[in-house]
Structure formats: C-alpha cells, structure tokens
Amino acid sequence: MKKSLSSFILFFATFFISCRSESIDLSDQSKNILALVGDKTITVNDFIKRCEYVPRPPYCNGDSYVHKKIALNSLIAEKQ
C-alpha cells in the first residue's frame, strides 16, 4: 500500500512539474542579432531572407560558407 501511494504521489508530482507553463519569448531581438552596423542591426531573419529569397549572382549562388559570407557582407554594405 505504501509503495503504490508513494509511486502515485511521485507520478503526479512529476506530471505537474512537467506541465507547468513557461513561455518562451522568441521575439527577443538580443538573441537574434547577427551584426551591428552603426546604429542599425542585422538579424538572423534578415540574413535568411537575403540568402533564401533574393536571387544571388552566379558567383555566390551556392550554399557554401564563402557564398553565405559574401551575402552577409553585401547585406552589411547596404546597411551602412
């Protein structure tokens, strides 16, 4: 009887702890800042839009590190 009661209490304690409500603020800009250019900021979302949605020239059209670095440098140059 004592084992089943303690198991029952342990189960519900674990259940209530795991179901508590914690909100995660995804709009916190300090975590999403990729670069600061003067008083302007470049966020990760800006960089993704640049790399995925904007057509790039053939010399930096791939997905390699160098091509993404070229896209980021052009985005930084536009912000200045």
PDB file of N, CA and C in Angstrom:
ATOM      1  N   MET A   1       0.821  -1.196   0.000  1.00  0.00           N
ATOM      2  CA  MET A   1       0.000   0.000   0.000  1.00  0.00           C
ATOM      3  C   MET A   1       0.864   1.258   0.000  1.00  0.00           C
ATOM      4  N   LYS A   2       1.926   1.277   0.829  1.00  0.00           N
ATOM      5  CA  LYS A   2       2.778   2.446   0.916  1.00  0.00           C
ATOM      6  C   LYS A   2       3.547   2.659  -0.379  1.00  0.00           C
ATOM      7  N   LYS A   3       3.968   1.547  -1.029  1.00  0.00           N
ATOM      8  CA  LYS A   3       4.699   1.673  -2.286  1.00  0.00           C
ATOM      9  C   LYS A   3       3.817   2.260  -3.381  1.00  0.00           C
ATOM     10  N   SER A   4       2.596   1.807  -3.456  1.00  0.00           N
ATOM     11  CA  SER A   4       1.707   2.307  -4.500  1.00  0.00           C
ATOM     12  C   SER A   4       1.336   3.767  -4.243  1.00  0.00           C
ATOM     13  N   LEU A   5       1.175   4.149  -2.977  1.00  0.00           N
ATOM     14  CA  LEU A   5       0.847   5.524  -2.640  1.00  0.00           C
ATOM     15  C   LEU A   5       2.023   6.446  -2.959  1.00  0.00           C
ATOM     16  N   SER A   6       3.239   6.025  -2.622  1.00  0.00           N
ATOM     17  CA  SER A   6       4.400   6.859  -2.926  1.00  0.00           C
ATOM     18  C   SER A   6       4.643   6.920  -4.432  1.00  0.00           C
ATOM     19  N   SER A   7       4.400   5.840  -5.159  1.00  0.00           N
ATOM     20  CA  SER A   7       4.524   5.856  -6.617  1.00  0.00           C
ATOM     21  C   SER A   7       3.483   6.779  -7.239  1.00  0.00           C
ATOM     22  N   PHE A   8       2.276   6.761  -6.690  1.00  0.00           N
ATOM     23  CA  PHE A   8       1.200   7.616  -7.154  1.00  0.00           C
ATOM     24  C   PHE A   8       1.538   9.087  -6.947  1.00  0.00           C
ATOM     25  N   ILE A   9       2.061   9.404  -5.780  1.00  0.00           N
ATOM     26  CA  ILE A   9       2.441  10.790  -5.467  1.00  0.00           C
ATOM     27  C   ILE A   9       3.598  11.226  -6.348  1.00  0.00           C
ATOM     28  N   LEU A  10       4.571  10.357  -6.530  1.00  0.00           N
ATOM     29  CA  LEU A  10       5.717  10.669  -7.376  1.00  0.00           C
ATOM     30  C   LEU A  10       5.279  10.896  -8.817  1.00  0.00           C
ATOM     31  N   PHE A  11       4.366  10.073  -9.310  1.00  0.00           N
ATOM     32  CA  PHE A  11       3.856  10.236 -10.670  1.00  0.00           C
ATOM     33  C   PHE A  11       3.177  11.585 -10.848  1.00  0.00           C
ATOM     34  N   PHE A  12       2.288  11.955  -9.947  1.00  0.00           N
ATOM     35  CA  PHE A  12       1.576  13.219 -10.083  1.00  0.00           C
ATOM     36  C   PHE A  12       2.472  14.425  -9.857  1.00  0.00           C
ATOM     37  N   ALA A  13       3.469  14.298  -8.986  1.00  0.00           N
ATOM     38  CA  ALA A  13       4.416  15.401  -8.804  1.00  0.00           C
ATOM     39  C   ALA A  13       5.203  15.626 -10.089  1.00  0.00           C
ATOM     40  N   THR A  14       5.649  14.548 -10.701  1.00  0.00           N
ATOM     41  CA  THR A  14       6.369  14.653 -11.979  1.00  0.00           C
ATOM     42  C   THR A  14       5.459  15.215 -13.061  1.00  0.00           C
ATOM     43  N   PHE A  15       4.219  14.784 -13.072  1.00  0.00           N
ATOM     44  CA  PHE A  15       3.253  15.261 -14.062  1.00  0.00           C
ATOM     45  C   PHE A  15       3.009  16.758 -13.935  1.00  0.00           C
ATOM     46  N   PHE A  16       2.799  17.240 -12.717  1.00  0.00           N
ATOM     47  CA  PHE A  16       2.531  18.664 -12.518  1.00  0.00           C
ATOM     48  C   PHE A  16       3.757  19.523 -12.806  1.00  0.00           C
ATOM     49  N   ILE A  17       4.936  19.030 -12.477  1.00  0.00           N
ATOM     50  CA  ILE A  17       6.159  19.790 -12.763  1.00  0.00           C
ATOM     51  C   ILE A  17       6.387  19.886 -14.264  1.00  0.00           C
ATOM     52  N   SER A  18       6.125  18.812 -14.977  1.00  0.00           N
ATOM     53  CA  SER A  18       6.361  18.830 -16.418  1.00  0.00           C
ATOM     54  C   SER A  18       5.297  19.625 -17.175  1.00  0.00           C
ATOM     55  N   CYS A  19       4.145  19.832 -16.583  1.00  0.00           N
ATOM     56  CA  CYS A  19       3.064  20.552 -17.264  1.00  0.00           C
ATOM     57  C   CYS A  19       2.996  22.027 -16.911  1.00  0.00           C
ATOM     58  N   ARG A  20       3.930  22.520 -16.145  1.00  0.00           N
ATOM     59  CA  ARG A  20       3.866  23.930 -15.774  1.00  0.00           C
ATOM     60  C   ARG A  20       4.081  24.801 -17.014  1.00  0.00           C
ATOM     61  N   SER A  21       3.524  25.955 -16.960  1.00  0.00           N
ATOM     62  CA  SER A  21       3.521  26.844 -18.123  1.00  0.00           C
ATOM     63  C   SER A  21       4.729  27.772 -18.075  1.00  0.00           C
ATOM     64  N   GLU A  22       5.597  27.637 -19.071  1.00  0.00           N
ATOM     65  CA  GLU A  22       6.712  28.556 -19.230  1.00  0.00           C
ATOM     66  C   GLU A  22       6.648  29.104 -20.640  1.00  0.00           C
ATOM     67  N   SER A  23       6.590  30.395 -20.736  1.00  0.00           N
ATOM     68  CA  SER A  23       6.532  30.986 -22.061  1.00  0.00           C
ATOM     69  C   SER A  23       7.943  31.308 -22.531  1.00  0.00           C
ATOM     70  N   ILE A  24       8.207  31.018 -23.782  1.00  0.00           N
ATOM     71  CA  ILE A  24       9.489  31.317 -24.386  1.00  0.00           C
ATOM     72  C   ILE A  24       9.287  32.493 -25.318  1.00  0.00           C
ATOM     73  N   ASP A  25      10.013  33.554 -25.082  1.00  0.00           N
ATOM     74  CA  ASP A  25       9.873  34.765 -25.869  1.00  0.00           C
ATOM     75  C   ASP A  25      10.802  34.686 -27.082  1.00  0.00           C
ATOM     76  N   LEU A  26      10.235  34.349 -28.242  1.00  0.00           N
ATOM     77  CA  LEU A  26      11.030  34.236 -29.454  1.00  0.00           C
ATOM     78  C   LEU A  26      11.266  35.576 -30.122  1.00  0.00           C
ATOM     79  N   SER A  27      10.555  36.591 -29.678  1.00  0.00           N
ATOM     80  CA  SER A  27      10.711  37.898 -30.298  1.00  0.00           C
ATOM     81  C   SER A  27      11.827  38.714 -29.638  1.00  0.00           C
ATOM     82  N   ASP A  28      12.563  38.110 -28.736  1.00  0.00           N
ATOM     83  CA  ASP A  28      13.666  38.811 -28.075  1.00  0.00           C
ATOM     84  C   ASP A  28      14.760  39.075 -29.098  1.00  0.00           C
ATOM     85  N   GLN A  29      14.944  40.317 -29.477  1.00  0.00           N
ATOM     86  CA  GLN A  29      15.865  40.679 -30.542  1.00  0.00           C
ATOM     87  C   GLN A  29      17.322  40.526 -30.144  1.00  0.00           C
ATOM     88  N   SER A  30      17.635  40.554 -28.851  1.00  0.00           N
ATOM     89  CA  SER A  30      19.037  40.463 -28.455  1.00  0.00           C
ATOM     90  C   SER A  30      19.623  39.098 -28.777  1.00  0.00           C
ATOM     91  N   LYS A  31      18.801  38.071 -28.862  1.00  0.00           N
ATOM     92  CA  LYS A  31      19.277  36.737 -29.207  1.00  0.00           C
ATOM     93  C   LYS A  31      19.383  36.557 -30.721  1.00  0.00           C
ATOM     94  N   ASN A  32      18.679  37.369 -31.484  1.00  0.00           N
ATOM     95  CA  ASN A  32      18.633  37.202 -32.928  1.00  0.00           C
ATOM     96  C   ASN A  32      19.546  38.155 -33.676  1.00  0.00           C
ATOM     97  N   ILE A  33      20.297  38.981 -32.988  1.00  0.00           N
ATOM     98  CA  ILE A  33      21.171  39.952 -33.652  1.00  0.00           C
ATOM     99  C   ILE A  33      22.394  39.241 -34.194  1.00  0.00           C
ATOM    100  N   LEU A  34      22.631  39.423 -35.478  1.00  0.00           N
ATOM    101  CA  LEU A  34      23.784  38.809 -36.132  1.00  0.00           C
ATOM    102  C   LEU A  34      24.940  39.786 -36.219  1.00  0.00           C
ATOM    103  N   ALA A  35      24.643  41.057 -36.519  1.00  0.00           N
ATOM    104  CA  ALA A  35      25.685  42.072 -36.634  1.00  0.00           C
ATOM    105  C   ALA A  35      25.103  43.431 -36.294  1.00  0.00           C
ATOM    106  N   LEU A  36      25.953  44.296 -35.771  1.00  0.00           N
ATOM    107  CA  LEU A  36      25.590  45.682 -35.505  1.00  0.00           C
ATOM    108  C   LEU A  36      26.408  46.568 -36.435  1.00  0.00           C
ATOM    109  N   VAL A  37      25.714  47.400 -37.207  1.00  0.00           N
ATOM    110  CA  VAL A  37      26.370  48.319 -38.136  1.00  0.00           C
ATOM    111  C   VAL A  37      25.944  49.720 -37.751  1.00  0.00           C
ATOM    112  N   GLY A  38      26.815  50.403 -37.026  1.00  0.00           N
ATOM    113  CA  GLY A  38      26.452  51.727 -36.537  1.00  0.00           C
ATOM    114  C   GLY A  38      25.287  51.619 -35.580  1.00  0.00           C
ATOM    115  N   ASP A  39      24.195  52.299 -35.894  1.00  0.00           N
ATOM    116  CA  ASP A  39      23.001  52.213 -35.059  1.00  0.00           C
ATOM    117  C   ASP A  39      21.982  51.229 -35.626  1.00  0.00           C
ATOM    118  N   LYS A  40      22.302  50.569 -36.725  1.00  0.00           N
ATOM    119  CA  LYS A  40      21.399  49.605 -37.360  1.00  0.00           C
ATOM    120  C   LYS A  40      21.820  48.188 -36.994  1.00  0.00           C
ATOM    121  N   THR A  41      20.856  47.276 -36.987  1.00  0.00           N
ATOM    122  CA  THR A  41      21.141  45.887 -36.656  1.00  0.00           C
ATOM    123  C   THR A  41      20.760  44.983 -37.817  1.00  0.00           C
ATOM    124  N   ILE A  42      21.470  43.887 -37.925  1.00  0.00           N
ATOM    125  CA  ILE A  42      21.145  42.840 -38.892  1.00  0.00           C
ATOM    126  C   ILE A  42      20.780  41.614 -38.080  1.00  0.00           C
ATOM    127  N   THR A  43      19.565  41.147 -38.259  1.00  0.00           N
ATOM    128  CA  THR A  43      19.098  39.989 -37.515  1.00  0.00           C
ATOM    129  C   THR A  43      19.301  38.728 -38.337  1.00  0.00           C
ATOM    130  N   VAL A  44      19.151  37.612 -37.673  1.00  0.00           N
ATOM    131  CA  VAL A  44      19.255  36.322 -38.349  1.00  0.00           C
ATOM    132  C   VAL A  44      18.174  36.205 -39.408  1.00  0.00           C
ATOM    133  N   ASN A  45      17.003  36.747 -39.121  1.00  0.00           N
ATOM    134  CA  ASN A  45      15.895  36.693 -40.066  1.00  0.00           C
ATOM    135  C   ASN A  45      16.203  37.493 -41.334  1.00  0.00           C
ATOM    136  N   ASP A  46      16.863  38.649 -41.190  1.00  0.00           N
ATOM    137  CA  ASP A  46      17.278  39.429 -42.361  1.00  0.00           C
ATOM    138  C   ASP A  46      18.241  38.628 -43.227  1.00  0.00           C
ATOM    139  N   PHE A  47      19.178  37.957 -42.587  1.00  0.00           N
ATOM    140  CA  PHE A  47      20.166  37.167 -43.313  1.00  0.00           C
ATOM    141  C   PHE A  47      19.516  35.985 -44.036  1.00  0.00           C
ATOM    142  N   ILE A  48      18.570  35.325 -43.383  1.00  0.00           N
ATOM    143  CA  ILE A  48      17.878  34.196 -44.018  1.00  0.00           C
ATOM    144  C   ILE A  48      17.084  34.672 -45.216  1.00  0.00           C
ATOM    145  N   LYS A  49      16.410  35.810 -45.075  1.00  0.00           N
ATOM    146  CA  LYS A  49      15.669  36.354 -46.218  1.00  0.00           C
ATOM    147  C   LYS A  49      16.603  36.663 -47.369  1.00  0.00           C
ATOM    148  N   ARG A  50      17.793  37.200 -47.061  1.00  0.00           N
ATOM    149  CA  ARG A  50      18.757  37.536 -48.106  1.00  0.00           C
ATOM    150  C   ARG A  50      19.261  36.271 -48.807  1.00  0.00           C
ATOM    151  N   CYS A  51      19.554  35.248 -48.047  1.00  0.00           N
ATOM    152  CA  CYS A  51      20.147  34.038 -48.630  1.00  0.00           C
ATOM    153  C   CYS A  51      19.118  33.144 -49.318  1.00  0.00           C
ATOM    154  N   GLU A  52      17.883  33.159 -48.861  1.00  0.00           N
ATOM    155  CA  GLU A  52      16.899  32.222 -49.397  1.00  0.00           C
ATOM    156  C   GLU A  52      15.973  32.830 -50.446  1.00  0.00           C
ATOM    157  N   TYR A  53      15.575  34.063 -50.279  1.00  0.00           N
ATOM    158  CA  TYR A  53      14.522  34.619 -51.112  1.00  0.00           C
ATOM    159  C   TYR A  53      14.993  35.587 -52.194  1.00  0.00           C
ATOM    160  N   VAL A  54      16.167  36.132 -52.046  1.00  0.00           N
ATOM    161  CA  VAL A  54      16.668  37.102 -53.019  1.00  0.00           C
ATOM    162  C   VAL A  54      17.600  36.374 -53.988  1.00  0.00           C
ATOM    163  N   PRO A  55      17.379  36.536 -55.287  1.00  0.00           N
ATOM    164  CA  PRO A  55      18.289  35.892 -56.244  1.00  0.00           C
ATOM    165  C   PRO A  55      19.701  36.466 -56.105  1.00  0.00           C
ATOM    166  N   ARG A  56      20.669  35.568 -56.096  1.00  0.00           N
ATOM    167  CA  ARG A  56      22.062  35.978 -55.957  1.00  0.00           C
ATOM    168  C   ARG A  56      22.799  35.753 -57.272  1.00  0.00           C
ATOM    169  N   PRO A  57      23.877  36.467 -57.479  1.00  0.00           N
ATOM    170  CA  PRO A  57      24.659  36.276 -58.703  1.00  0.00           C
ATOM    171  C   PRO A  57      25.284  34.877 -58.739  1.00  0.00           C
ATOM    172  N   PRO A  58      25.655  34.417 -59.926  1.00  0.00           N
ATOM    173  CA  PRO A  58      26.193  33.048 -60.060  1.00  0.00           C
ATOM    174  C   PRO A  58      27.458  32.790 -59.238  1.00  0.00           C
ATOM    175  N   TYR A  59      28.266  33.819 -58.976  1.00  0.00           N
ATOM    176  CA  TYR A  59      29.499  33.589 -58.242  1.00  0.00           C
ATOM    177  C   TYR A  59      29.278  33.325 -56.745  1.00  0.00           C
ATOM    178  N   CYS A  60      28.083  33.577 -56.243  1.00  0.00           N
ATOM    179  CA  CYS A  60      27.801  33.269 -54.828  1.00  0.00           C
ATOM    180  C   CYS A  60      26.423  32.638 -54.681  1.00  0.00           C
ATOM    181  N   ASN A  61      26.083  31.762 -55.597  1.00  0.00           N
ATOM    182  CA  ASN A  61      24.758  31.170 -55.627  1.00  0.00           C
ATOM    183  C   ASN A  61      24.657  29.871 -54.823  1.00  0.00           C
ATOM    184  N   GLY A  62      25.767  29.349 -54.328  1.00  0.00           N
ATOM    185  CA  GLY A  62      25.753  28.067 -53.624  1.00  0.00           C
ATOM    186  C   GLY A  62      25.442  28.189 -52.148  1.00  0.00           C
ATOM    187  N   ASP A  63      25.593  27.078 -51.447  1.00  0.00           N
ATOM    188  CA  ASP A  63      25.315  27.035 -50.018  1.00  0.00           C
ATOM    189  C   ASP A  63      26.584  26.890 -49.183  1.00  0.00           C
ATOM    190  N   SER A  64      27.729  27.173 -49.758  1.00  0.00           N
ATOM    191  CA  SER A  64      28.961  27.032 -49.006  1.00  0.00           C
ATOM    192  C   SER A  64      29.153  28.219 -48.057  1.00  0.00           C
ATOM    193  N   TYR A  65      30.112  28.074 -47.173  1.00  0.00           N
ATOM    194  CA  TYR A  65      30.408  29.112 -46.187  1.00  0.00           C
ATOM    195  C   TYR A  65      30.829  30.417 -46.867  1.00  0.00           C
ATOM    196  N   VAL A  66      31.635  30.321 -47.894  1.00  0.00           N
ATOM    197  CA  VAL A  66      32.129  31.507 -48.586  1.00  0.00           C
ATOM    198  C   VAL A  66      30.979  32.251 -49.262  1.00  0.00           C
ATOM    199  N   HIS A  67      30.053  31.530 -49.865  1.00  0.00           N
ATOM    200  CA  HIS A  67      28.919  32.160 -50.544  1.00  0.00           C
ATOM    201  C   HIS A  67      28.010  32.878 -49.544  1.00  0.00           C
ATOM    202  N   LYS A  68      27.797  32.263 -48.399  1.00  0.00           N
ATOM    203  CA  LYS A  68      26.973  32.913 -47.373  1.00  0.00           C
ATOM    204  C   LYS A  68      27.694  34.125 -46.787  1.00  0.00           C
ATOM    205  N   LYS A  69      29.004  34.045 -46.695  1.00  0.00           N
ATOM    206  CA  LYS A  69      29.777  35.179 -46.203  1.00  0.00           C
ATOM    207  C   LYS A  69      29.693  36.353 -47.174  1.00  0.00           C
ATOM    208  N   ILE A  70      29.696  36.071 -48.470  1.00  0.00           N
ATOM    209  CA  ILE A  70      29.543  37.129 -49.480  1.00  0.00           C
ATOM    210  C   ILE A  70      28.173  37.787 -49.343  1.00  0.00           C
ATOM    211  N   ALA A  71      27.128  36.976 -49.132  1.00  0.00           N
ATOM    212  CA  ALA A  71      25.774  37.515 -48.964  1.00  0.00           C
ATOM    213  C   ALA A  71      25.681  38.368 -47.703  1.00  0.00           C
ATOM    214  N   LEU A  72      26.322  37.934 -46.617  1.00  0.00           N
ATOM    215  CA  LEU A  72      26.303  38.718 -45.388  1.00  0.00           C
ATOM    216  C   LEU A  72      27.060  40.026 -45.563  1.00  0.00           C
ATOM    217  N   ASN A  73      28.194  39.996 -46.235  1.00  0.00           N
ATOM    218  CA  ASN A  73      28.952  41.227 -46.464  1.00  0.00           C
ATOM    219  C   ASN A  73      28.182  42.217 -47.321  1.00  0.00           C
ATOM    220  N   SER A  74      27.445  41.734 -48.303  1.00  0.00           N
ATOM    221  CA  SER A  74      26.649  42.656 -49.119  1.00  0.00           C
ATOM    222  C   SER A  74      25.484  43.246 -48.294  1.00  0.00           C
ATOM    223  N   LEU A  75      24.935  42.451 -47.392  1.00  0.00           N
ATOM    224  CA  LEU A  75      23.872  42.962 -46.511  1.00  0.00           C
ATOM    225  C   LEU A  75      24.428  44.012 -45.560  1.00  0.00           C
ATOM    226  N   ILE A  76      25.622  43.801 -45.056  1.00  0.00           N
ATOM    227  CA  ILE A  76      26.270  44.784 -44.170  1.00  0.00           C
ATOM    228  C   ILE A  76      26.558  46.062 -44.950  1.00  0.00           C
ATOM    229  N   ALA A  77      27.007  45.932 -46.196  1.00  0.00           N
ATOM    230  CA  ALA A  77      27.310  47.105 -47.016  1.00  0.00           C
ATOM    231  C   ALA A  77      26.044  47.920 -47.287  1.00  0.00           C
ATOM    232  N   GLU A  78      24.912  47.274 -47.444  1.00  0.00           N
ATOM    233  CA  GLU A  78      23.659  48.004 -47.665  1.00  0.00           C
ATOM    234  C   GLU A  78      23.216  48.758 -46.430  1.00  0.00           C
ATOM    235  N   LYS A  79      23.513  48.250 -45.246  1.00  0.00           N
ATOM    236  CA  LYS A  79      23.080  48.897 -44.019  1.00  0.00           C
ATOM    237  C   LYS A  79      23.905  50.136 -43.675  1.00  0.00           C
ATOM    238  N   GLN A  80      25.094  50.281 -44.246  1.00  0.00           N
ATOM    239  CA  GLN A  80      25.958  51.409 -43.903  1.00  0.00           C
ATOM    240  C   GLN A  80      25.498  52.668 -44.533  1.00  0.00           C
TER     241      GLN A  80
END
